[in-house]
Amino acid sequence: MRFMMIIKADEQSEAGVLPTEQELTAMGKYNEELVKAGVMLAGDGLQASSMGARVSFSGGEPTVQDGPFAETKELVAGYWIIDVKSKEEAVEWARRVPIQEGEIEVRRVAEIEDLGAPATPELKEAEQRLREQISEQQR
């Protein structure tokens, strides 16, 4: 099962405060542990919301809002995507993230099989083809 571990933004990350060498080293070691365990699929930190934009839709029409965005606690500062056997295992990995303050949200990634009857065999095949193309592009 794939899970996303989402690290929430805080005032420092939104102000563009960079991590210390010690924090970077600790995070690098943690990421190495994920890779060595064979569970890490992806992971990145994100720039402050002032460097981003939101695209909202109403009636099918997009509206763009440039950052920064309010409600820092609802913003994402970074993420990992891991492939583990259970939510409990994902939570155990989240408990080991080397941060002093903050919050990690653990969410299961929806698979096409989770979507029920609307996910027809044709849609499942198309999804599989896209995943294979992405995999080839990453090589």
N, C-alpha and C. Protein backbone atom coordinates (compact mmCIF):
# COMPACT_ATOMS: atom_id res chain seq x y z
N MET A 1 0.84 -1.18 0.00
CA MET A 1 0.00 0.00 0.00
C MET A 1 0.88 1.24 0.00
N ARG A 2 0.47 2.18 -0.82
CA ARG A 2 1.21 3.44 -0.85
C ARG A 2 0.58 4.44 0.11
N PHE A 3 1.44 5.16 0.81
CA PHE A 3 1.00 6.20 1.72
C PHE A 3 1.80 7.46 1.44
N MET A 4 1.15 8.59 1.65
CA MET A 4 1.85 9.87 1.58
C MET A 4 1.99 10.37 3.01
N MET A 5 3.21 10.71 3.37
CA MET A 5 3.46 11.36 4.65
C MET A 5 3.67 12.84 4.33
N ILE A 6 2.80 13.67 4.86
CA ILE A 6 2.78 15.09 4.53
C ILE A 6 3.27 15.87 5.74
N ILE A 7 4.34 16.64 5.54
CA ILE A 7 4.84 17.48 6.63
C ILE A 7 4.23 18.87 6.46
N LYS A 8 3.58 19.33 7.50
CA LYS A 8 2.87 20.60 7.44
C LYS A 8 3.83 21.78 7.54
N ALA A 9 3.45 22.87 6.89
CA ALA A 9 4.24 24.10 6.94
C ALA A 9 4.10 24.76 8.31
N ASP A 10 5.04 25.63 8.62
CA ASP A 10 4.95 26.46 9.81
C ASP A 10 5.44 27.86 9.46
N GLU A 11 5.47 28.73 10.44
CA GLU A 11 5.86 30.11 10.17
C GLU A 11 7.26 30.19 9.58
N GLN A 12 8.17 29.35 10.07
CA GLN A 12 9.55 29.39 9.56
C GLN A 12 9.64 28.93 8.12
N SER A 13 8.99 27.82 7.79
CA SER A 13 9.07 27.32 6.41
C SER A 13 8.40 28.30 5.46
N GLU A 14 7.32 28.94 5.89
CA GLU A 14 6.63 29.91 5.05
C GLU A 14 7.43 31.21 4.91
N ALA A 15 8.30 31.49 5.89
CA ALA A 15 9.15 32.69 5.80
C ALA A 15 10.40 32.41 4.98
N GLY A 16 10.55 31.17 4.51
CA GLY A 16 11.71 30.84 3.70
C GLY A 16 12.96 30.54 4.50
N VAL A 17 12.81 30.32 5.82
CA VAL A 17 13.96 30.00 6.65
C VAL A 17 14.49 28.62 6.25
N LEU A 18 15.76 28.56 5.91
CA LEU A 18 16.36 27.31 5.46
C LEU A 18 16.75 26.44 6.65
N PRO A 19 16.73 25.12 6.47
CA PRO A 19 17.14 24.22 7.55
C PRO A 19 18.64 24.37 7.80
N THR A 20 19.05 24.01 9.00
CA THR A 20 20.46 24.04 9.36
C THR A 20 21.17 22.84 8.75
N GLU A 21 22.48 22.85 8.76
CA GLU A 21 23.25 21.71 8.27
C GLU A 21 22.92 20.46 9.08
N GLN A 22 22.76 20.63 10.38
CA GLN A 22 22.42 19.50 11.26
C GLN A 22 21.05 18.92 10.88
N GLU A 23 20.06 19.79 10.61
CA GLU A 23 18.73 19.32 10.23
C GLU A 23 18.76 18.62 8.87
N LEU A 24 19.53 19.18 7.92
CA LEU A 24 19.66 18.54 6.61
C LEU A 24 20.32 17.18 6.70
N THR A 25 21.34 17.09 7.55
CA THR A 25 22.04 15.82 7.74
C THR A 25 21.10 14.77 8.33
N ALA A 26 20.33 15.16 9.35
CA ALA A 26 19.39 14.23 9.98
C ALA A 26 18.33 13.77 8.98
N MET A 27 17.83 14.69 8.16
CA MET A 27 16.80 14.34 7.18
C MET A 27 17.40 13.43 6.10
N GLY A 28 18.63 13.71 5.71
CA GLY A 28 19.30 12.85 4.74
C GLY A 28 19.46 11.43 5.25
N LYS A 29 19.83 11.29 6.51
CA LYS A 29 19.96 9.95 7.11
C LYS A 29 18.61 9.24 7.16
N TYR A 30 17.58 9.98 7.52
CA TYR A 30 16.23 9.41 7.55
C TYR A 30 15.83 8.92 6.16
N ASN A 31 16.06 9.76 5.15
CA ASN A 31 15.72 9.37 3.77
C ASN A 31 16.52 8.14 3.35
N GLU A 32 17.79 8.06 3.75
CA GLU A 32 18.60 6.87 3.45
C GLU A 32 17.99 5.63 4.08
N GLU A 33 17.48 5.74 5.31
CA GLU A 33 16.83 4.61 5.97
C GLU A 33 15.62 4.14 5.17
N LEU A 34 14.81 5.11 4.70
CA LEU A 34 13.64 4.76 3.88
C LEU A 34 14.06 4.02 2.62
N VAL A 35 15.11 4.52 1.96
CA VAL A 35 15.59 3.91 0.72
C VAL A 35 16.15 2.51 1.00
N LYS A 36 16.99 2.40 2.02
CA LYS A 36 17.58 1.09 2.36
C LYS A 36 16.52 0.07 2.71
N ALA A 37 15.42 0.52 3.34
CA ALA A 37 14.33 -0.39 3.69
C ALA A 37 13.48 -0.74 2.47
N GLY A 38 13.73 -0.05 1.35
CA GLY A 38 13.00 -0.33 0.13
C GLY A 38 11.57 0.19 0.12
N VAL A 39 11.28 1.21 0.94
CA VAL A 39 9.91 1.71 1.02
C VAL A 39 9.70 3.08 0.39
N MET A 40 10.77 3.84 0.16
CA MET A 40 10.60 5.20 -0.36
C MET A 40 10.42 5.21 -1.87
N LEU A 41 9.33 5.81 -2.32
CA LEU A 41 9.07 5.96 -3.74
C LEU A 41 9.40 7.37 -4.22
N ALA A 42 9.15 8.36 -3.36
CA ALA A 42 9.41 9.76 -3.70
C ALA A 42 9.41 10.58 -2.43
N GLY A 43 9.95 11.76 -2.52
CA GLY A 43 9.92 12.68 -1.39
C GLY A 43 10.62 13.97 -1.75
N ASP A 44 10.05 15.07 -1.32
CA ASP A 44 10.62 16.39 -1.60
C ASP A 44 10.12 17.39 -0.58
N GLY A 45 10.92 18.44 -0.40
CA GLY A 45 10.48 19.61 0.33
C GLY A 45 9.93 20.61 -0.67
N LEU A 46 9.07 21.49 -0.20
CA LEU A 46 8.44 22.47 -1.07
C LEU A 46 8.86 23.88 -0.68
N GLN A 47 8.93 24.75 -1.66
CA GLN A 47 9.19 26.16 -1.42
C GLN A 47 7.99 26.76 -0.68
N ALA A 48 8.20 27.92 -0.09
CA ALA A 48 7.12 28.63 0.61
C ALA A 48 5.98 28.93 -0.36
N SER A 49 4.78 29.08 0.19
CA SER A 49 3.60 29.32 -0.66
C SER A 49 3.70 30.64 -1.42
N SER A 50 4.57 31.54 -0.96
CA SER A 50 4.76 32.81 -1.69
C SER A 50 5.33 32.57 -3.09
N MET A 51 5.93 31.40 -3.30
CA MET A 51 6.50 31.05 -4.59
C MET A 51 5.50 30.27 -5.46
N GLY A 52 4.30 30.05 -4.94
CA GLY A 52 3.33 29.21 -5.65
C GLY A 52 2.08 29.94 -6.07
N ALA A 53 1.12 29.17 -6.50
CA ALA A 53 -0.18 29.69 -6.93
C ALA A 53 -1.23 28.63 -6.64
N ARG A 54 -2.48 29.06 -6.56
CA ARG A 54 -3.62 28.16 -6.45
C ARG A 54 -4.50 28.36 -7.67
N VAL A 55 -4.98 27.26 -8.20
CA VAL A 55 -5.94 27.32 -9.29
C VAL A 55 -7.25 26.76 -8.75
N SER A 56 -8.25 27.62 -8.64
CA SER A 56 -9.57 27.23 -8.14
C SER A 56 -10.53 27.13 -9.32
N PHE A 57 -11.51 26.23 -9.20
CA PHE A 57 -12.48 26.04 -10.27
C PHE A 57 -13.89 26.29 -9.74
N SER A 58 -14.66 27.02 -10.50
CA SER A 58 -16.07 27.24 -10.18
C SER A 58 -16.82 27.18 -11.51
N GLY A 59 -17.75 26.26 -11.59
CA GLY A 59 -18.49 26.09 -12.84
C GLY A 59 -17.59 25.69 -13.99
N GLY A 60 -16.49 25.00 -13.68
CA GLY A 60 -15.55 24.57 -14.71
C GLY A 60 -14.56 25.64 -15.14
N GLU A 61 -14.67 26.84 -14.57
CA GLU A 61 -13.78 27.95 -14.94
C GLU A 61 -12.65 28.09 -13.92
N PRO A 62 -11.39 28.12 -14.38
CA PRO A 62 -10.27 28.27 -13.45
C PRO A 62 -10.01 29.73 -13.08
N THR A 63 -9.65 29.94 -11.82
CA THR A 63 -9.21 31.23 -11.32
C THR A 63 -7.87 31.02 -10.63
N VAL A 64 -6.88 31.84 -10.95
CA VAL A 64 -5.54 31.70 -10.39
C VAL A 64 -5.32 32.74 -9.30
N GLN A 65 -4.81 32.28 -8.16
CA GLN A 65 -4.45 33.16 -7.05
C GLN A 65 -2.99 32.91 -6.73
N ASP A 66 -2.17 33.94 -6.82
CA ASP A 66 -0.76 33.81 -6.46
C ASP A 66 -0.62 33.79 -4.94
N GLY A 67 0.43 33.07 -4.46
CA GLY A 67 0.73 33.02 -3.04
C GLY A 67 1.30 34.34 -2.59
N PRO A 68 1.52 34.54 -1.32
CA PRO A 68 1.41 33.53 -0.25
C PRO A 68 -0.04 33.32 0.19
N PHE A 69 -0.24 32.23 0.90
CA PHE A 69 -1.57 31.87 1.37
C PHE A 69 -1.62 31.93 2.89
N ALA A 70 -2.79 32.30 3.41
CA ALA A 70 -2.99 32.34 4.86
C ALA A 70 -3.14 30.92 5.39
N GLU A 71 -3.36 30.81 6.67
CA GLU A 71 -3.56 29.51 7.33
C GLU A 71 -2.37 28.58 7.11
N THR A 72 -1.23 29.03 7.61
CA THR A 72 0.01 28.27 7.47
C THR A 72 -0.15 26.81 7.88
N LYS A 73 -0.88 26.54 8.95
CA LYS A 73 -1.02 25.16 9.45
C LYS A 73 -1.69 24.23 8.45
N GLU A 74 -2.35 24.77 7.45
CA GLU A 74 -3.01 23.94 6.44
C GLU A 74 -2.15 23.74 5.20
N LEU A 75 -0.98 24.35 5.15
CA LEU A 75 -0.10 24.25 3.99
C LEU A 75 0.86 23.08 4.13
N VAL A 76 1.35 22.62 3.00
CA VAL A 76 2.29 21.49 2.96
C VAL A 76 3.70 22.03 2.76
N ALA A 77 4.64 21.54 3.58
CA ALA A 77 6.04 21.95 3.45
C ALA A 77 6.87 20.89 2.75
N GLY A 78 6.38 19.66 2.74
CA GLY A 78 7.10 18.57 2.09
C GLY A 78 6.32 17.28 2.20
N TYR A 79 6.86 16.24 1.56
CA TYR A 79 6.13 14.97 1.56
C TYR A 79 7.09 13.82 1.25
N TRP A 80 6.64 12.63 1.59
CA TRP A 80 7.25 11.38 1.16
C TRP A 80 6.12 10.51 0.66
N ILE A 81 6.39 9.69 -0.33
CA ILE A 81 5.47 8.63 -0.72
C ILE A 81 6.21 7.33 -0.44
N ILE A 82 5.60 6.51 0.38
CA ILE A 82 6.23 5.24 0.76
C ILE A 82 5.29 4.09 0.41
N ASP A 83 5.87 2.92 0.23
CA ASP A 83 5.11 1.71 -0.08
C ASP A 83 5.38 0.73 1.05
N VAL A 84 4.36 0.53 1.89
CA VAL A 84 4.50 -0.33 3.07
C VAL A 84 3.30 -1.27 3.15
N LYS A 85 3.34 -2.17 4.12
CA LYS A 85 2.30 -3.20 4.23
C LYS A 85 1.03 -2.73 4.92
N SER A 86 1.12 -1.66 5.74
CA SER A 86 -0.05 -1.26 6.52
C SER A 86 0.04 0.21 6.94
N LYS A 87 -1.11 0.74 7.38
CA LYS A 87 -1.13 2.09 7.92
C LYS A 87 -0.24 2.17 9.16
N GLU A 88 -0.25 1.12 9.95
CA GLU A 88 0.57 1.11 11.16
C GLU A 88 2.05 1.25 10.83
N GLU A 89 2.50 0.57 9.79
CA GLU A 89 3.91 0.69 9.38
C GLU A 89 4.20 2.11 8.88
N ALA A 90 3.27 2.69 8.15
CA ALA A 90 3.45 4.07 7.68
C ALA A 90 3.54 5.03 8.86
N VAL A 91 2.69 4.82 9.86
CA VAL A 91 2.73 5.67 11.05
C VAL A 91 4.05 5.52 11.79
N GLU A 92 4.57 4.31 11.85
CA GLU A 92 5.87 4.09 12.50
C GLU A 92 6.97 4.86 11.78
N TRP A 93 6.95 4.86 10.45
CA TRP A 93 7.93 5.66 9.71
C TRP A 93 7.74 7.14 9.99
N ALA A 94 6.49 7.59 10.06
CA ALA A 94 6.22 9.01 10.34
C ALA A 94 6.73 9.40 11.73
N ARG A 95 6.62 8.51 12.67
CA ARG A 95 7.08 8.79 14.05
C ARG A 95 8.60 9.00 14.10
N ARG A 96 9.30 8.50 13.09
CA ARG A 96 10.76 8.59 13.08
C ARG A 96 11.30 9.81 12.33
N VAL A 97 10.41 10.61 11.72
CA VAL A 97 10.86 11.80 10.99
C VAL A 97 11.62 12.71 11.97
N PRO A 98 12.82 13.15 11.60
CA PRO A 98 13.66 13.91 12.53
C PRO A 98 13.31 15.41 12.58
N ILE A 99 12.16 15.71 13.20
CA ILE A 99 11.80 17.11 13.41
C ILE A 99 11.57 17.33 14.90
N GLN A 100 11.76 18.56 15.33
CA GLN A 100 11.55 18.90 16.74
C GLN A 100 10.12 19.34 17.01
N GLU A 101 9.55 20.09 16.10
CA GLU A 101 8.18 20.60 16.23
C GLU A 101 7.50 20.41 14.89
N GLY A 102 6.19 20.20 14.91
CA GLY A 102 5.45 20.12 13.67
C GLY A 102 4.48 18.97 13.65
N GLU A 103 4.01 18.68 12.47
CA GLU A 103 2.98 17.67 12.30
C GLU A 103 3.20 16.92 10.99
N ILE A 104 3.05 15.60 11.05
CA ILE A 104 3.12 14.75 9.86
C ILE A 104 1.74 14.10 9.71
N GLU A 105 1.13 14.30 8.56
CA GLU A 105 -0.14 13.66 8.26
C GLU A 105 0.15 12.44 7.39
N VAL A 106 -0.45 11.31 7.72
CA VAL A 106 -0.26 10.07 6.96
C VAL A 106 -1.57 9.74 6.27
N ARG A 107 -1.53 9.65 4.93
CA ARG A 107 -2.73 9.38 4.15
C ARG A 107 -2.44 8.28 3.14
N ARG A 108 -3.37 7.35 3.01
CA ARG A 108 -3.22 6.28 2.02
C ARG A 108 -3.50 6.84 0.63
N VAL A 109 -2.69 6.45 -0.33
CA VAL A 109 -2.88 6.86 -1.71
C VAL A 109 -3.99 6.00 -2.31
N ALA A 110 -4.95 6.63 -2.94
CA ALA A 110 -6.06 5.89 -3.57
C ALA A 110 -5.55 5.17 -4.81
N GLU A 111 -5.87 3.92 -4.91
CA GLU A 111 -5.54 3.11 -6.08
C GLU A 111 -6.80 3.02 -6.94
N ILE A 112 -6.64 2.74 -8.20
CA ILE A 112 -7.81 2.67 -9.10
C ILE A 112 -8.81 1.63 -8.61
N GLU A 113 -8.33 0.57 -8.00
CA GLU A 113 -9.23 -0.48 -7.49
C GLU A 113 -10.12 0.04 -6.37
N ASP A 114 -9.68 1.09 -5.68
CA ASP A 114 -10.45 1.68 -4.58
C ASP A 114 -11.67 2.46 -5.09
N LEU A 115 -11.72 2.72 -6.38
CA LEU A 115 -12.75 3.58 -6.94
C LEU A 115 -14.03 2.84 -7.33
N GLY A 116 -14.04 1.53 -7.14
CA GLY A 116 -15.26 0.76 -7.34
C GLY A 116 -15.69 0.62 -8.78
N ALA A 117 -17.01 0.48 -8.97
CA ALA A 117 -17.60 0.19 -10.28
C ALA A 117 -17.26 1.23 -11.36
N PRO A 118 -17.18 2.52 -11.04
CA PRO A 118 -16.84 3.47 -12.11
C PRO A 118 -15.46 3.21 -12.75
N ALA A 119 -14.60 2.49 -12.04
CA ALA A 119 -13.28 2.16 -12.59
C ALA A 119 -13.42 0.89 -13.45
N THR A 120 -13.85 1.08 -14.68
CA THR A 120 -14.08 -0.03 -15.60
C THR A 120 -12.76 -0.72 -15.95
N PRO A 121 -12.82 -1.92 -16.49
CA PRO A 121 -11.59 -2.59 -16.93
C PRO A 121 -10.79 -1.73 -17.92
N GLU A 122 -11.48 -1.01 -18.79
CA GLU A 122 -10.80 -0.16 -19.77
C GLU A 122 -10.04 0.97 -19.06
N LEU A 123 -10.68 1.57 -18.06
CA LEU A 123 -10.01 2.64 -17.31
C LEU A 123 -8.82 2.10 -16.52
N LYS A 124 -8.96 0.90 -15.99
CA LYS A 124 -7.86 0.28 -15.25
C LYS A 124 -6.68 0.01 -16.18
N GLU A 125 -6.96 -0.48 -17.38
CA GLU A 125 -5.90 -0.73 -18.37
C GLU A 125 -5.21 0.58 -18.77
N ALA A 126 -6.01 1.62 -18.98
CA ALA A 126 -5.44 2.93 -19.34
C ALA A 126 -4.55 3.46 -18.22
N GLU A 127 -4.99 3.29 -16.99
CA GLU A 127 -4.20 3.72 -15.83
C GLU A 127 -2.87 2.96 -15.78
N GLN A 128 -2.92 1.66 -16.03
CA GLN A 128 -1.71 0.84 -16.02
C GLN A 128 -0.75 1.29 -17.11
N ARG A 129 -1.26 1.58 -18.30
CA ARG A 129 -0.41 2.06 -19.40
C ARG A 129 0.28 3.37 -19.02
N LEU A 130 -0.47 4.28 -18.39
CA LEU A 130 0.13 5.55 -17.96
C LEU A 130 1.24 5.32 -16.94
N ARG A 131 1.00 4.45 -15.99
CA ARG A 131 2.03 4.15 -14.98
C ARG A 131 3.29 3.57 -15.63
N GLU A 132 3.08 2.70 -16.62
CA GLU A 132 4.23 2.13 -17.33
C GLU A 132 4.99 3.21 -18.10
N GLN A 133 4.27 4.13 -18.73
CA GLN A 133 4.93 5.24 -19.45
C GLN A 133 5.72 6.12 -18.49
N ILE A 134 5.15 6.41 -17.34
CA ILE A 134 5.85 7.23 -16.34
C ILE A 134 7.11 6.51 -15.89
N SER A 135 6.99 5.23 -15.63
CA SER A 135 8.14 4.44 -15.20
C SER A 135 9.26 4.48 -16.24
N GLU A 136 8.89 4.34 -17.51
CA GLU A 136 9.88 4.39 -18.58
C GLU A 136 10.55 5.76 -18.67
N GLN A 137 9.77 6.83 -18.50
CA GLN A 137 10.31 8.18 -18.56
C GLN A 137 11.31 8.47 -17.43
N GLN A 138 11.13 7.80 -16.31
CA GLN A 138 11.99 8.04 -15.15
C GLN A 138 13.29 7.27 -15.22
N ARG A 139 13.44 6.40 -16.19
CA ARG A 139 14.68 5.60 -16.29
C ARG A 139 15.79 6.36 -16.89
